[in-house]
Amino acid sequence: MSDRPLILVTNDDGIHAKGLFSLSQIAKDFGDVVVVAPDKPQSGMGHAITMATPLWLKEAHLDNVSAYSTSGTPVDCVKLAVYEIMHRKPDLILSGINHGSNSSINVIYSGTMSAAVEGAVEGIKSIGFSLLNHDEDADFSESEPFIRKIIENVLREPMMLGSCLNVNIPQGKPRGIKVCRQAKGYWEDSFVKRSDPQGNNYYWMKGDFVVKEKGEDTDLWALDHGFISVVPTQFDMTAHHAIANLNTWKF
């Protein structure tokens, strides 16, 4: 049995995504890698899990790493890897590299980040990586040295229990790395209404992203200025600041 770190690599863009392949090739320089990824794109799935249908799992082919694809979501991938595929809990979970941003409020919709958050739930060091480029053939090479630095640090240093890292990477050569907080922003949603040939209505969702602040300590500021943003992220969704106020209510 190897004494190298055991690393799980997953994503939400699917087993054939270039970002997944790039991350798995980086990861194998740091430990023994197992890839478990969805068999089709699962973007925007958030923390969804599969309960009403079976999960299918089959071996996949990726250069020099053990790989599997599954019919499930990114969170399903983590659960299957931890409890059915790997001989022990991994030392590190890497999710991505996502094709597109998961900064600001997008983190709550992201399958990429939900896989990393699930790792934190399991007490495993976890990182979600995203590149601000939706192109299927996006170039990840300029970000590779920075990804390596972040992985090295996470393997070496202790991480706060219950947290993971949300790493977003700008296009082009990054100027450096900044530790940030999540910017306040939201999607102003709208829908395009259409009808099929039978006259049944259907809808396409669209929206505009609205930024609610201009703080220079946020992930959006870092990305807008060419820096990689690193945001510590947690699954404890308690609004701790609201507890004192609620305790004044007369229930």
C-alpha atoms as a PDB file:
ATOM      1  CA  MET A   1       0.000   0.000   0.000  1.00  0.00           C
ATOM      2  CA  SER A   2       1.356   3.423  -1.002  1.00  0.00           C
ATOM      3  CA  ASP A   3       2.231   5.961   1.681  1.00  0.00           C
ATOM      4  CA  ARG A   4       1.558   8.831  -0.746  1.00  0.00           C
ATOM      5  CA  PRO A   5      -1.530  11.001  -0.136  1.00  0.00           C
ATOM      6  CA  LEU A   6      -4.739   9.507  -1.526  1.00  0.00           C
ATOM      7  CA  ILE A   7      -6.489  12.095  -3.702  1.00  0.00           C
ATOM      8  CA  LEU A   8     -10.030  12.056  -5.100  1.00  0.00           C
ATOM      9  CA  VAL A   9     -10.655  14.194  -8.190  1.00  0.00           C
ATOM     10  CA  THR A  10     -14.198  14.990  -9.292  1.00  0.00           C
ATOM     11  CA  ASN A  11     -16.169  17.716 -11.070  1.00  0.00           C
ATOM     12  CA  ASP A  12     -19.592  18.743 -12.362  1.00  0.00           C
ATOM     13  CA  ASP A  13     -18.742  19.156 -16.059  1.00  0.00           C
ATOM     14  CA  GLY A  14     -18.502  15.409 -16.570  1.00  0.00           C
ATOM     15  CA  ILE A  15     -15.912  12.705 -17.049  1.00  0.00           C
ATOM     16  CA  HIS A  16     -14.866  13.985 -20.493  1.00  0.00           C
ATOM     17  CA  ALA A  17     -14.250  17.617 -19.472  1.00  0.00           C
ATOM     18  CA  LYS A  18     -10.813  19.065 -20.211  1.00  0.00           C
ATOM     19  CA  GLY A  19     -10.710  20.723 -16.784  1.00  0.00           C
ATOM     20  CA  LEU A  20     -11.102  17.369 -15.035  1.00  0.00           C
ATOM     21  CA  PHE A  21      -8.315  15.835 -17.096  1.00  0.00           C
ATOM     22  CA  SER A  22      -6.016  18.794 -16.395  1.00  0.00           C
ATOM     23  CA  LEU A  23      -6.639  18.610 -12.646  1.00  0.00           C
ATOM     24  CA  SER A  24      -6.138  14.851 -12.505  1.00  0.00           C
ATOM     25  CA  GLN A  25      -2.774  15.162 -14.249  1.00  0.00           C
ATOM     26  CA  ILE A  26      -1.651  17.823 -11.768  1.00  0.00           C
ATOM     27  CA  ALA A  27      -2.942  15.789  -8.829  1.00  0.00           C
ATOM     28  CA  LYS A  28      -0.969  12.654  -9.688  1.00  0.00           C
ATOM     29  CA  ASP A  29       2.262  14.545  -8.920  1.00  0.00           C
ATOM     30  CA  PHE A  30       1.055  14.896  -5.322  1.00  0.00           C
ATOM     31  CA  GLY A  31      -0.378  11.472  -4.583  1.00  0.00           C
ATOM     32  CA  ASP A  32      -2.311   8.415  -5.706  1.00  0.00           C
ATOM     33  CA  VAL A  33      -5.307   9.630  -7.693  1.00  0.00           C
ATOM     34  CA  VAL A  34      -8.793   8.220  -8.121  1.00  0.00           C
ATOM     35  CA  VAL A  35     -11.198  10.067 -10.422  1.00  0.00           C
ATOM     36  CA  VAL A  36     -14.953   9.726  -9.910  1.00  0.00           C
ATOM     37  CA  ALA A  37     -17.018  12.061 -12.075  1.00  0.00           C
ATOM     38  CA  PRO A  38     -20.511  12.313 -13.559  1.00  0.00           C
ATOM     39  CA  ASP A  39     -21.078  10.566 -16.878  1.00  0.00           C
ATOM     40  CA  LYS A  40     -22.672  13.761 -18.223  1.00  0.00           C
ATOM     41  CA  PRO A  41     -22.578  17.478 -17.331  1.00  0.00           C
ATOM     42  CA  GLN A  42     -24.152  18.253 -13.948  1.00  0.00           C
ATOM     43  CA  SER A  43     -23.594  22.002 -13.706  1.00  0.00           C
ATOM     44  CA  GLY A  44     -25.926  23.914 -11.405  1.00  0.00           C
ATOM     45  CA  MET A  45     -26.872  20.819  -9.412  1.00  0.00           C
ATOM     46  CA  GLY A  46     -25.803  22.349  -6.104  1.00  0.00           C
ATOM     47  CA  HIS A  47     -25.774  19.809  -3.281  1.00  0.00           C
ATOM     48  CA  ALA A  48     -28.292  17.458  -4.925  1.00  0.00           C
ATOM     49  CA  ILE A  49     -28.088  13.721  -4.256  1.00  0.00           C
ATOM     50  CA  THR A  50     -29.763  10.818  -6.054  1.00  0.00           C
ATOM     51  CA  MET A  51     -32.387   9.024  -3.971  1.00  0.00           C
ATOM     52  CA  ALA A  52     -35.282   7.949  -6.214  1.00  0.00           C
ATOM     53  CA  THR A  53     -33.284   6.140  -8.906  1.00  0.00           C
ATOM     54  CA  PRO A  54     -30.296   3.749  -8.870  1.00  0.00           C
ATOM     55  CA  LEU A  55     -26.743   5.009  -9.240  1.00  0.00           C
ATOM     56  CA  TRP A  56     -24.758   3.429 -12.045  1.00  0.00           C
ATOM     57  CA  LEU A  57     -20.990   3.209 -11.898  1.00  0.00           C
ATOM     58  CA  LYS A  58     -18.488   2.053 -14.506  1.00  0.00           C
ATOM     59  CA  GLU A  59     -14.761   2.267 -15.096  1.00  0.00           C
ATOM     60  CA  ALA A  60     -13.535   5.061 -17.332  1.00  0.00           C
ATOM     61  CA  HIS A  61     -10.263   5.668 -19.150  1.00  0.00           C
ATOM     62  CA  LEU A  62      -7.990   8.571 -18.205  1.00  0.00           C
ATOM     63  CA  ASP A  63      -4.220   8.705 -18.638  1.00  0.00           C
ATOM     64  CA  ASN A  64      -2.367   6.997 -15.782  1.00  0.00           C
ATOM     65  CA  VAL A  65      -5.103   7.359 -13.149  1.00  0.00           C
ATOM     66  CA  SER A  66      -7.862   5.096 -11.868  1.00  0.00           C
ATOM     67  CA  ALA A  67     -11.161   6.553 -13.076  1.00  0.00           C
ATOM     68  CA  TYR A  68     -14.901   5.899 -12.829  1.00  0.00           C
ATOM     69  CA  SER A  69     -17.998   7.592 -14.194  1.00  0.00           C
ATOM     70  CA  THR A  70     -21.382   7.577 -12.514  1.00  0.00           C
ATOM     71  CA  SER A  71     -24.945   8.518 -13.394  1.00  0.00           C
ATOM     72  CA  GLY A  72     -25.103  10.617 -10.229  1.00  0.00           C
ATOM     73  CA  THR A  73     -24.419  14.176  -9.167  1.00  0.00           C
ATOM     74  CA  PRO A  74     -21.066  15.602  -8.006  1.00  0.00           C
ATOM     75  CA  VAL A  75     -22.038  14.964  -4.369  1.00  0.00           C
ATOM     76  CA  ASP A  76     -22.980  11.389  -5.307  1.00  0.00           C
ATOM     77  CA  CYS A  77     -19.478  11.056  -6.775  1.00  0.00           C
ATOM     78  CA  VAL A  78     -17.896  11.949  -3.441  1.00  0.00           C
ATOM     79  CA  LYS A  79     -20.167   9.602  -1.496  1.00  0.00           C
ATOM     80  CA  LEU A  80     -19.582   6.688  -3.870  1.00  0.00           C
ATOM     81  CA  ALA A  81     -15.830   7.270  -3.835  1.00  0.00           C
ATOM     82  CA  VAL A  82     -15.576   7.459  -0.051  1.00  0.00           C
ATOM     83  CA  TYR A  83     -17.881   4.543   0.777  1.00  0.00           C
ATOM     84  CA  GLU A  84     -17.680   2.173  -2.203  1.00  0.00           C
ATOM     85  CA  ILE A  85     -14.565   2.733  -4.309  1.00  0.00           C
ATOM     86  CA  MET A  86     -11.620   3.870  -2.213  1.00  0.00           C
ATOM     87  CA  HIS A  87      -9.991   1.633   0.375  1.00  0.00           C
ATOM     88  CA  ARG A  88     -10.000   4.508   2.892  1.00  0.00           C
ATOM     89  CA  LYS A  89     -11.040   8.132   3.137  1.00  0.00           C
ATOM     90  CA  PRO A  90      -8.939  10.274   0.817  1.00  0.00           C
ATOM     91  CA  ASP A  91      -6.486  12.769   2.244  1.00  0.00           C
ATOM     92  CA  LEU A  92      -7.617  15.395  -0.249  1.00  0.00           C
ATOM     93  CA  ILE A  93     -10.553  16.050  -2.575  1.00  0.00           C
ATOM     94  CA  LEU A  94     -10.043  18.231  -5.647  1.00  0.00           C
ATOM     95  CA  SER A  95     -13.123  19.323  -7.602  1.00  0.00           C
ATOM     96  CA  GLY A  96     -12.889  20.914 -11.047  1.00  0.00           C
ATOM     97  CA  ILE A  97     -11.331  22.535 -12.837  1.00  0.00           C
ATOM     98  CA  ASN A  98     -14.770  23.987 -13.574  1.00  0.00           C
ATOM     99  CA  HIS A  99     -15.386  25.654 -16.928  1.00  0.00           C
ATOM    100  CA  GLY A 100     -16.858  28.922 -15.625  1.00  0.00           C
ATOM    101  CA  SER A 101     -16.921  31.038 -12.471  1.00  0.00           C
ATOM    102  CA  ASN A 102     -18.139  29.918  -9.061  1.00  0.00           C
ATOM    103  CA  SER A 103     -17.491  33.227  -7.317  1.00  0.00           C
ATOM    104  CA  SER A 104     -19.929  35.224  -5.177  1.00  0.00           C
ATOM    105  CA  ILE A 105     -23.467  33.756  -4.879  1.00  0.00           C
ATOM    106  CA  ASN A 106     -22.718  31.226  -7.649  1.00  0.00           C
ATOM    107  CA  VAL A 107     -21.102  29.034  -5.007  1.00  0.00           C
ATOM    108  CA  ILE A 108     -24.512  27.884  -3.737  1.00  0.00           C
ATOM    109  CA  TYR A 109     -25.620  26.637  -7.180  1.00  0.00           C
ATOM    110  CA  SER A 110     -22.321  25.000  -8.055  1.00  0.00           C
ATOM    111  CA  GLY A 111     -21.962  21.255  -8.346  1.00  0.00           C
ATOM    112  CA  THR A 112     -18.186  21.739  -8.371  1.00  0.00           C
ATOM    113  CA  MET A 113     -18.223  23.469  -5.008  1.00  0.00           C
ATOM    114  CA  SER A 114     -20.864  21.156  -3.547  1.00  0.00           C
ATOM    115  CA  ALA A 115     -18.488  18.249  -4.102  1.00  0.00           C
ATOM    116  CA  ALA A 116     -15.823  20.150  -2.153  1.00  0.00           C
ATOM    117  CA  VAL A 117     -18.323  21.048   0.581  1.00  0.00           C
ATOM    118  CA  GLU A 118     -19.317  17.379   0.841  1.00  0.00           C
ATOM    119  CA  GLY A 119     -15.662  16.618   1.404  1.00  0.00           C
ATOM    120  CA  ALA A 120     -15.653  19.118   4.264  1.00  0.00           C
ATOM    121  CA  VAL A 121     -18.740  17.395   5.699  1.00  0.00           C
ATOM    122  CA  GLU A 122     -16.694  14.173   5.707  1.00  0.00           C
ATOM    123  CA  GLY A 123     -13.781  15.912   7.438  1.00  0.00           C
ATOM    124  CA  ILE A 124     -11.591  15.735   4.323  1.00  0.00           C
ATOM    125  CA  LYS A 125      -9.426  18.599   3.074  1.00  0.00           C
ATOM    126  CA  SER A 126     -11.151  19.808  -0.088  1.00  0.00           C
ATOM    127  CA  ILE A 127     -10.680  22.416  -2.810  1.00  0.00           C
ATOM    128  CA  GLY A 128     -12.962  23.506  -5.637  1.00  0.00           C
ATOM    129  CA  PHE A 129     -11.205  25.045  -8.655  1.00  0.00           C
ATOM    130  CA  SER A 130     -12.949  27.129 -11.333  1.00  0.00           C
ATOM    131  CA  LEU A 131     -11.626  29.010 -14.368  1.00  0.00           C
ATOM    132  CA  LEU A 132     -13.516  32.012 -15.744  1.00  0.00           C
ATOM    133  CA  ASN A 133     -13.811  30.445 -19.188  1.00  0.00           C
ATOM    134  CA  HIS A 134     -16.776  28.381 -20.419  1.00  0.00           C
ATOM    135  CA  ASP A 135     -14.977  27.147 -23.543  1.00  0.00           C
ATOM    136  CA  GLU A 136     -14.846  23.341 -23.736  1.00  0.00           C
ATOM    137  CA  ASP A 137     -11.254  23.694 -24.963  1.00  0.00           C
ATOM    138  CA  ALA A 138     -10.229  26.291 -22.353  1.00  0.00           C
ATOM    139  CA  ASP A 139      -6.492  26.680 -21.689  1.00  0.00           C
ATOM    140  CA  PHE A 140      -5.604  25.782 -18.094  1.00  0.00           C
ATOM    141  CA  SER A 141      -1.826  25.939 -18.514  1.00  0.00           C
ATOM    142  CA  GLU A 142      -1.270  29.477 -17.197  1.00  0.00           C
ATOM    143  CA  SER A 143      -3.086  28.663 -13.961  1.00  0.00           C
ATOM    144  CA  GLU A 144      -1.247  25.372 -13.339  1.00  0.00           C
ATOM    145  CA  PRO A 145       1.666  26.781 -11.251  1.00  0.00           C
ATOM    146  CA  PHE A 146      -0.815  28.514  -8.943  1.00  0.00           C
ATOM    147  CA  ILE A 147      -2.991  25.416  -8.622  1.00  0.00           C
ATOM    148  CA  ARG A 148       0.121  23.487  -7.595  1.00  0.00           C
ATOM    149  CA  LYS A 149       0.978  26.087  -4.942  1.00  0.00           C
ATOM    150  CA  ILE A 150      -2.518  25.895  -3.459  1.00  0.00           C
ATOM    151  CA  ILE A 151      -2.502  22.084  -3.380  1.00  0.00           C
ATOM    152  CA  GLU A 152       0.950  22.073  -1.742  1.00  0.00           C
ATOM    153  CA  ASN A 153      -0.262  24.420   0.983  1.00  0.00           C
ATOM    154  CA  VAL A 154      -3.456  22.500   1.670  1.00  0.00           C
ATOM    155  CA  LEU A 155      -1.581  19.203   1.968  1.00  0.00           C
ATOM    156  CA  ARG A 156       1.003  20.763   4.278  1.00  0.00           C
ATOM    157  CA  GLU A 157      -1.069  23.037   6.505  1.00  0.00           C
ATOM    158  CA  PRO A 158      -3.998  22.254   8.830  1.00  0.00           C
ATOM    159  CA  MET A 159      -7.434  23.424   7.721  1.00  0.00           C
ATOM    160  CA  MET A 160     -10.283  24.526   9.956  1.00  0.00           C
ATOM    161  CA  LEU A 161     -12.708  21.653  10.506  1.00  0.00           C
ATOM    162  CA  GLY A 162     -15.876  22.044   8.464  1.00  0.00           C
ATOM    163  CA  SER A 163     -14.360  24.282   5.802  1.00  0.00           C
ATOM    164  CA  CYS A 164     -13.041  23.945   2.262  1.00  0.00           C
ATOM    165  CA  LEU A 165     -11.559  26.338  -0.300  1.00  0.00           C
ATOM    166  CA  ASN A 166     -13.359  27.961  -3.217  1.00  0.00           C
ATOM    167  CA  VAL A 167     -10.683  28.913  -5.756  1.00  0.00           C
ATOM    168  CA  ASN A 168     -11.596  30.985  -8.813  1.00  0.00           C
ATOM    169  CA  ILE A 169      -9.061  31.741 -11.533  1.00  0.00           C
ATOM    170  CA  PRO A 170      -9.214  34.644 -14.019  1.00  0.00           C
ATOM    171  CA  GLN A 171      -8.542  34.194 -17.713  1.00  0.00           C
ATOM    172  CA  GLY A 172      -4.977  34.738 -18.833  1.00  0.00           C
ATOM    173  CA  LYS A 173      -1.909  34.682 -16.619  1.00  0.00           C
ATOM    174  CA  PRO A 174      -2.888  35.415 -12.982  1.00  0.00           C
ATOM    175  CA  ARG A 175      -1.121  38.247 -11.166  1.00  0.00           C
ATOM    176  CA  GLY A 176      -1.087  36.230  -7.939  1.00  0.00           C
ATOM    177  CA  ILE A 177      -3.329  34.795  -5.247  1.00  0.00           C
ATOM    178  CA  LYS A 178      -5.568  36.696  -2.829  1.00  0.00           C
ATOM    179  CA  VAL A 179      -7.462  35.276   0.153  1.00  0.00           C
ATOM    180  CA  CYS A 180     -10.902  36.880  -0.011  1.00  0.00           C
ATOM    181  CA  ARG A 181     -14.443  36.852   1.234  1.00  0.00           C
ATOM    182  CA  GLN A 182     -17.460  36.037  -0.922  1.00  0.00           C
ATOM    183  CA  ALA A 183     -18.792  39.163  -2.625  1.00  0.00           C
ATOM    184  CA  LYS A 184     -22.428  40.174  -2.196  1.00  0.00           C
ATOM    185  CA  GLY A 185     -24.216  39.660  -5.477  1.00  0.00           C
ATOM    186  CA  TYR A 186     -27.272  37.952  -6.906  1.00  0.00           C
ATOM    187  CA  TRP A 187     -28.923  36.938 -10.173  1.00  0.00           C
ATOM    188  CA  GLU A 188     -31.798  39.124 -11.356  1.00  0.00           C
ATOM    189  CA  ASP A 189     -33.730  36.334 -13.056  1.00  0.00           C
ATOM    190  CA  SER A 190     -36.088  36.461 -16.005  1.00  0.00           C
ATOM    191  CA  PHE A 191     -37.618  33.896 -18.329  1.00  0.00           C
ATOM    192  CA  VAL A 192     -38.142  33.599 -22.069  1.00  0.00           C
ATOM    193  CA  LYS A 193     -41.561  32.039 -22.690  1.00  0.00           C
ATOM    194  CA  ARG A 194     -42.091  29.948 -25.813  1.00  0.00           C
ATOM    195  CA  SER A 195     -44.562  27.377 -27.113  1.00  0.00           C
ATOM    196  CA  ASP A 196     -43.960  23.963 -28.627  1.00  0.00           C
ATOM    197  CA  PRO A 197     -45.784  22.807 -31.812  1.00  0.00           C
ATOM    198  CA  GLN A 198     -48.642  21.478 -29.667  1.00  0.00           C
ATOM    199  CA  GLY A 199     -49.139  24.868 -28.022  1.00  0.00           C
ATOM    200  CA  ASN A 200     -47.649  23.911 -24.647  1.00  0.00           C
ATOM    201  CA  ASN A 201     -45.658  26.649 -22.957  1.00  0.00           C
ATOM    202  CA  TYR A 202     -42.044  26.159 -21.924  1.00  0.00           C
ATOM    203  CA  TYR A 203     -39.461  28.494 -20.437  1.00  0.00           C
ATOM    204  CA  TRP A 204     -35.766  29.332 -20.744  1.00  0.00           C
ATOM    205  CA  MET A 205     -34.274  30.951 -17.675  1.00  0.00           C
ATOM    206  CA  LYS A 206     -31.873  33.842 -18.126  1.00  0.00           C
ATOM    207  CA  GLY A 207     -30.644  36.627 -15.887  1.00  0.00           C
ATOM    208  CA  ASP A 208     -28.258  39.459 -15.198  1.00  0.00           C
ATOM    209  CA  PHE A 209     -25.707  39.302 -12.410  1.00  0.00           C
ATOM    210  CA  VAL A 210     -25.968  42.234 -10.018  1.00  0.00           C
ATOM    211  CA  VAL A 211     -23.054  43.186  -7.748  1.00  0.00           C
ATOM    212  CA  LYS A 212     -24.168  44.798  -4.490  1.00  0.00           C
ATOM    213  CA  GLU A 213     -20.810  46.146  -3.285  1.00  0.00           C
ATOM    214  CA  LYS A 214     -17.363  47.321  -4.357  1.00  0.00           C
ATOM    215  CA  GLY A 215     -15.218  45.989  -1.512  1.00  0.00           C
ATOM    216  CA  GLU A 216     -11.578  45.371  -2.355  1.00  0.00           C
ATOM    217  CA  ASP A 217     -11.445  42.286  -0.121  1.00  0.00           C
ATOM    218  CA  THR A 218     -13.897  40.224  -2.202  1.00  0.00           C
ATOM    219  CA  ASP A 219     -13.503  37.435  -4.737  1.00  0.00           C
ATOM    220  CA  LEU A 220     -15.066  39.562  -7.503  1.00  0.00           C
ATOM    221  CA  TRP A 221     -12.593  42.390  -6.923  1.00  0.00           C
ATOM    222  CA  ALA A 222      -9.664  39.971  -7.020  1.00  0.00           C
ATOM    223  CA  LEU A 223     -10.856  38.363 -10.245  1.00  0.00           C
ATOM    224  CA  ASP A 224     -11.603  41.712 -11.891  1.00  0.00           C
ATOM    225  CA  HIS A 225      -8.020  42.752 -11.140  1.00  0.00           C
ATOM    226  CA  GLY A 226      -6.393  39.579 -12.456  1.00  0.00           C
ATOM    227  CA  PHE A 227      -5.871  37.712  -9.192  1.00  0.00           C
ATOM    228  CA  ILE A 228      -6.888  34.198  -8.191  1.00  0.00           C
ATOM    229  CA  SER A 229      -9.442  34.369  -5.390  1.00  0.00           C
ATOM    230  CA  VAL A 230      -9.339  31.897  -2.495  1.00  0.00           C
ATOM    231  CA  VAL A 231     -12.435  31.950  -0.285  1.00  0.00           C
ATOM    232  CA  PRO A 232     -12.713  29.680   2.784  1.00  0.00           C
ATOM    233  CA  THR A 233     -16.199  28.158   2.576  1.00  0.00           C
ATOM    234  CA  GLN A 234     -18.253  26.272   5.170  1.00  0.00           C
ATOM    235  CA  PHE A 235     -21.366  24.125   5.244  1.00  0.00           C
ATOM    236  CA  ASP A 236     -22.650  25.540   8.566  1.00  0.00           C
ATOM    237  CA  MET A 237     -25.416  27.813   7.232  1.00  0.00           C
ATOM    238  CA  THR A 238     -26.450  29.136  10.640  1.00  0.00           C
ATOM    239  CA  ALA A 239     -26.882  32.922  10.592  1.00  0.00           C
ATOM    240  CA  HIS A 240     -25.049  33.315  13.909  1.00  0.00           C
ATOM    241  CA  HIS A 241     -25.475  37.091  13.932  1.00  0.00           C
ATOM    242  CA  ALA A 242     -29.279  36.668  13.935  1.00  0.00           C
ATOM    243  CA  ILE A 243     -29.485  34.440  17.018  1.00  0.00           C
ATOM    244  CA  ALA A 244     -29.394  37.293  19.559  1.00  0.00           C
ATOM    245  CA  ASN A 245     -32.256  39.067  17.802  1.00  0.00           C
ATOM    246  CA  LEU A 246     -34.378  35.895  17.582  1.00  0.00           C
ATOM    247  CA  ASN A 247     -33.886  35.324  21.305  1.00  0.00           C
ATOM    248  CA  THR A 248     -35.774  38.586  21.952  1.00  0.00           C
ATOM    249  CA  TRP A 249     -38.889  37.270  20.187  1.00  0.00           C
ATOM    250  CA  LYS A 250     -41.829  36.122  22.294  1.00  0.00           C
ATOM    251  CA  PHE A 251     -42.515  32.565  21.164  1.00  0.00           C
END
